[in-house]
Each structure stands twice: as C-alpha cells, then as structure tokens.
Amino acid sequence: MAWIRTVPEGEAGGMLKRYYDASKDRRGFVSNTTSIMSIRENHLRANQSLFVSLMEGDSGLSRIEKEMIAVRVSGVNGCFY
C-alpha cells in the first residue's frame, strides 16, 4: 500500500482509467507502480513508455529473461513486487 495520495480506481477517468484497466487486464489488479503515479499522469505515461520499451523492445533477451532479471534486481533492492 502506498503512503502517498493516489487516485482510487473508482475515481479514475480518461487516460488514467485506461492505464488502470490495462493493469487490471494484465495482473487482475491495479499495480502499485501504476497507482503511485496516478496523480501525475505525465509521469505514469513516461514510466509505462519506458517499461514497454525495456520489456518488449529488441535487446537480444527474451521476455522471460528480462522478467527474471527484474525479479532478481527487485530482490537485491528489497523490493517485493
């Protein structure tokens, strides 16, 4: 749970609602990384663009390899995503 102000799912509209819906479609819930940027849609848009570029862009690594790296880095950093 974020300790900062966020836009609740039921109050999201426009582009933010689309991001929330996409998060729910992928994971079954709105991810914390999406909701914590909900009050700054430009930051959310930039973060999502970076994520797609890194995870879906051509790098010589498979999506599974990229996910494994992300999980390991999160663990080393004490981040439980």
N, C-alpha and C. Protein backbone atom coordinates (compact mmCIF):
# COMPACT_ATOMS: atom_id res chain seq x y z
N MET A 1 0.84 -1.18 0.00
CA MET A 1 0.00 0.00 0.00
C MET A 1 0.89 1.24 0.00
N ALA A 2 0.57 2.15 -0.90
CA ALA A 2 1.34 3.39 -0.99
C ALA A 2 1.01 4.31 0.18
N TRP A 3 1.97 5.08 0.62
CA TRP A 3 1.77 6.02 1.71
C TRP A 3 1.59 7.43 1.18
N ILE A 4 1.44 7.54 -0.11
CA ILE A 4 1.21 8.85 -0.70
C ILE A 4 -0.21 8.88 -1.27
N ARG A 5 -0.68 10.07 -1.56
CA ARG A 5 -2.02 10.21 -2.11
C ARG A 5 -2.05 9.59 -3.50
N THR A 6 -3.09 8.83 -3.78
CA THR A 6 -3.30 8.23 -5.09
C THR A 6 -4.74 8.47 -5.51
N VAL A 7 -5.02 8.25 -6.78
CA VAL A 7 -6.38 8.35 -7.28
C VAL A 7 -7.00 6.95 -7.16
N PRO A 8 -8.04 6.79 -6.35
CA PRO A 8 -8.69 5.48 -6.22
C PRO A 8 -9.23 5.00 -7.57
N GLU A 9 -9.26 3.71 -7.74
CA GLU A 9 -9.71 3.13 -9.00
C GLU A 9 -11.08 3.63 -9.43
N GLY A 10 -12.01 3.75 -8.49
CA GLY A 10 -13.36 4.20 -8.80
C GLY A 10 -13.46 5.65 -9.21
N GLU A 11 -12.40 6.42 -8.95
CA GLU A 11 -12.40 7.84 -9.30
C GLU A 11 -11.57 8.15 -10.55
N ALA A 12 -10.93 7.14 -11.10
CA ALA A 12 -10.08 7.35 -12.28
C ALA A 12 -10.93 7.58 -13.51
N GLY A 13 -10.51 8.52 -14.33
CA GLY A 13 -11.21 8.80 -15.58
C GLY A 13 -10.19 9.01 -16.70
N GLY A 14 -10.65 9.06 -17.92
CA GLY A 14 -9.80 9.36 -19.07
C GLY A 14 -8.64 8.39 -19.21
N MET A 15 -7.47 8.98 -19.46
CA MET A 15 -6.26 8.19 -19.68
C MET A 15 -5.91 7.35 -18.45
N LEU A 16 -6.06 7.91 -17.27
CA LEU A 16 -5.74 7.17 -16.05
C LEU A 16 -6.60 5.92 -15.94
N LYS A 17 -7.87 6.02 -16.26
CA LYS A 17 -8.74 4.84 -16.23
C LYS A 17 -8.24 3.79 -17.21
N ARG A 18 -7.79 4.23 -18.38
CA ARG A 18 -7.26 3.27 -19.36
C ARG A 18 -6.02 2.56 -18.83
N TYR A 19 -5.14 3.31 -18.14
CA TYR A 19 -3.96 2.67 -17.54
C TYR A 19 -4.37 1.70 -16.43
N TYR A 20 -5.31 2.10 -15.61
CA TYR A 20 -5.80 1.21 -14.55
C TYR A 20 -6.41 -0.05 -15.16
N ASP A 21 -7.24 0.10 -16.18
CA ASP A 21 -7.87 -1.06 -16.82
C ASP A 21 -6.83 -1.98 -17.44
N ALA A 22 -5.82 -1.40 -18.07
CA ALA A 22 -4.76 -2.22 -18.68
C ALA A 22 -3.99 -2.99 -17.60
N SER A 23 -3.73 -2.34 -16.47
CA SER A 23 -3.05 -3.01 -15.37
C SER A 23 -3.89 -4.17 -14.85
N LYS A 24 -5.18 -3.94 -14.71
CA LYS A 24 -6.08 -5.00 -14.24
C LYS A 24 -6.16 -6.15 -15.24
N ASP A 25 -6.16 -5.82 -16.54
CA ASP A 25 -6.21 -6.86 -17.56
C ASP A 25 -4.96 -7.75 -17.50
N ARG A 26 -3.79 -7.14 -17.26
CA ARG A 26 -2.54 -7.91 -17.22
C ARG A 26 -2.37 -8.70 -15.93
N ARG A 27 -2.76 -8.10 -14.79
CA ARG A 27 -2.45 -8.70 -13.50
C ARG A 27 -3.66 -9.11 -12.67
N GLY A 28 -4.81 -8.60 -13.03
CA GLY A 28 -6.01 -8.86 -12.24
C GLY A 28 -6.24 -7.80 -11.17
N PHE A 29 -5.36 -6.82 -11.08
CA PHE A 29 -5.47 -5.74 -10.11
C PHE A 29 -4.66 -4.55 -10.62
N VAL A 30 -4.88 -3.38 -10.04
CA VAL A 30 -4.09 -2.20 -10.38
C VAL A 30 -2.79 -2.28 -9.60
N SER A 31 -1.67 -2.31 -10.32
CA SER A 31 -0.38 -2.45 -9.66
C SER A 31 -0.02 -1.20 -8.86
N ASN A 32 0.79 -1.39 -7.82
CA ASN A 32 1.24 -0.26 -7.00
C ASN A 32 2.03 0.73 -7.83
N THR A 33 2.84 0.24 -8.77
CA THR A 33 3.64 1.15 -9.58
C THR A 33 2.77 2.02 -10.47
N THR A 34 1.58 1.56 -10.80
CA THR A 34 0.64 2.37 -11.57
C THR A 34 -0.07 3.36 -10.65
N SER A 35 -0.58 2.88 -9.53
CA SER A 35 -1.37 3.76 -8.67
C SER A 35 -0.55 4.86 -8.00
N ILE A 36 0.73 4.61 -7.70
CA ILE A 36 1.51 5.66 -7.03
C ILE A 36 1.83 6.83 -7.94
N MET A 37 1.68 6.63 -9.25
CA MET A 37 1.90 7.74 -10.18
C MET A 37 0.59 8.33 -10.69
N SER A 38 -0.51 7.95 -10.07
CA SER A 38 -1.82 8.34 -10.58
C SER A 38 -2.10 9.83 -10.50
N ILE A 39 -1.46 10.54 -9.61
CA ILE A 39 -1.70 11.98 -9.52
C ILE A 39 -0.81 12.77 -10.49
N ARG A 40 0.10 12.09 -11.14
CA ARG A 40 0.99 12.70 -12.13
C ARG A 40 0.94 11.86 -13.40
N GLU A 41 -0.13 12.05 -14.18
CA GLU A 41 -0.32 11.22 -15.37
C GLU A 41 0.84 11.31 -16.34
N ASN A 42 1.50 12.46 -16.43
CA ASN A 42 2.65 12.55 -17.33
C ASN A 42 3.79 11.65 -16.87
N HIS A 43 3.96 11.47 -15.58
CA HIS A 43 4.98 10.55 -15.06
C HIS A 43 4.57 9.11 -15.33
N LEU A 44 3.29 8.83 -15.13
CA LEU A 44 2.78 7.48 -15.40
C LEU A 44 2.98 7.13 -16.87
N ARG A 45 2.66 8.05 -17.75
CA ARG A 45 2.81 7.81 -19.19
C ARG A 45 4.28 7.55 -19.53
N ALA A 46 5.18 8.35 -18.98
CA ALA A 46 6.62 8.17 -19.24
C ALA A 46 7.11 6.83 -18.69
N ASN A 47 6.65 6.47 -17.49
CA ASN A 47 7.06 5.21 -16.89
C ASN A 47 6.56 4.02 -17.72
N GLN A 48 5.32 4.09 -18.16
CA GLN A 48 4.77 3.00 -18.96
C GLN A 48 5.50 2.88 -20.30
N SER A 49 5.84 4.01 -20.89
CA SER A 49 6.58 4.00 -22.15
C SER A 49 7.96 3.36 -21.97
N LEU A 50 8.65 3.72 -20.89
CA LEU A 50 9.95 3.13 -20.59
C LEU A 50 9.82 1.63 -20.36
N PHE A 51 8.81 1.23 -19.58
CA PHE A 51 8.60 -0.19 -19.30
C PHE A 51 8.39 -0.98 -20.58
N VAL A 52 7.52 -0.50 -21.45
CA VAL A 52 7.24 -1.20 -22.71
C VAL A 52 8.50 -1.27 -23.56
N SER A 53 9.24 -0.18 -23.63
CA SER A 53 10.47 -0.16 -24.41
C SER A 53 11.47 -1.19 -23.89
N LEU A 54 11.64 -1.25 -22.58
CA LEU A 54 12.60 -2.18 -21.99
C LEU A 54 12.14 -3.63 -22.09
N MET A 55 10.88 -3.88 -21.78
CA MET A 55 10.42 -5.26 -21.69
C MET A 55 9.99 -5.86 -23.03
N GLU A 56 9.58 -5.02 -23.97
CA GLU A 56 9.11 -5.54 -25.24
C GLU A 56 10.02 -5.18 -26.41
N GLY A 57 10.99 -4.30 -26.17
CA GLY A 57 11.91 -3.90 -27.22
C GLY A 57 12.95 -4.97 -27.52
N ASP A 58 13.56 -4.85 -28.68
CA ASP A 58 14.58 -5.82 -29.11
C ASP A 58 15.87 -5.56 -28.35
N SER A 59 16.34 -6.57 -27.63
CA SER A 59 17.57 -6.43 -26.87
C SER A 59 18.45 -7.68 -26.92
N GLY A 60 17.96 -8.72 -27.57
CA GLY A 60 18.69 -9.99 -27.56
C GLY A 60 18.29 -10.88 -26.41
N LEU A 61 17.47 -10.37 -25.48
CA LEU A 61 16.98 -11.16 -24.36
C LEU A 61 15.51 -11.48 -24.58
N SER A 62 15.09 -12.65 -24.12
CA SER A 62 13.66 -12.99 -24.19
C SER A 62 12.91 -12.24 -23.10
N ARG A 63 11.60 -12.20 -23.22
CA ARG A 63 10.77 -11.56 -22.19
C ARG A 63 10.97 -12.27 -20.85
N ILE A 64 11.07 -13.59 -20.88
CA ILE A 64 11.27 -14.36 -19.64
C ILE A 64 12.61 -13.99 -19.00
N GLU A 65 13.65 -13.85 -19.80
CA GLU A 65 14.96 -13.46 -19.25
C GLU A 65 14.89 -12.06 -18.63
N LYS A 66 14.20 -11.15 -19.30
CA LYS A 66 14.04 -9.80 -18.76
C LYS A 66 13.27 -9.82 -17.44
N GLU A 67 12.22 -10.62 -17.37
CA GLU A 67 11.44 -10.73 -16.13
C GLU A 67 12.29 -11.32 -15.01
N MET A 68 13.11 -12.32 -15.33
CA MET A 68 13.98 -12.92 -14.30
C MET A 68 14.98 -11.89 -13.78
N ILE A 69 15.53 -11.08 -14.67
CA ILE A 69 16.46 -10.02 -14.24
C ILE A 69 15.74 -9.02 -13.35
N ALA A 70 14.52 -8.63 -13.73
CA ALA A 70 13.74 -7.67 -12.93
C ALA A 70 13.44 -8.23 -11.55
N VAL A 71 13.09 -9.50 -11.47
CA VAL A 71 12.81 -10.13 -10.17
C VAL A 71 14.06 -10.14 -9.31
N ARG A 72 15.19 -10.49 -9.89
CA ARG A 72 16.44 -10.54 -9.13
C ARG A 72 16.83 -9.15 -8.63
N VAL A 73 16.76 -8.15 -9.49
CA VAL A 73 17.11 -6.79 -9.09
C VAL A 73 16.18 -6.31 -7.99
N SER A 74 14.89 -6.59 -8.11
CA SER A 74 13.93 -6.22 -7.06
C SER A 74 14.29 -6.87 -5.74
N GLY A 75 14.63 -8.15 -5.79
CA GLY A 75 15.02 -8.87 -4.57
C GLY A 75 16.26 -8.28 -3.92
N VAL A 76 17.27 -7.99 -4.71
CA VAL A 76 18.51 -7.40 -4.19
C VAL A 76 18.22 -6.04 -3.56
N ASN A 77 17.29 -5.30 -4.15
CA ASN A 77 16.93 -3.97 -3.63
C ASN A 77 15.90 -4.02 -2.51
N GLY A 78 15.46 -5.22 -2.12
CA GLY A 78 14.48 -5.34 -1.04
C GLY A 78 13.10 -4.89 -1.46
N CYS A 79 12.82 -4.96 -2.76
CA CYS A 79 11.54 -4.54 -3.31
C CYS A 79 10.71 -5.78 -3.61
N PHE A 80 9.51 -5.87 -3.07
CA PHE A 80 8.70 -7.09 -3.17
C PHE A 80 7.56 -6.97 -4.18
N TYR A 81 7.88 -6.74 -5.45
CA TYR A 81 6.87 -6.65 -6.49
C TYR A 81 6.65 -7.99 -7.12
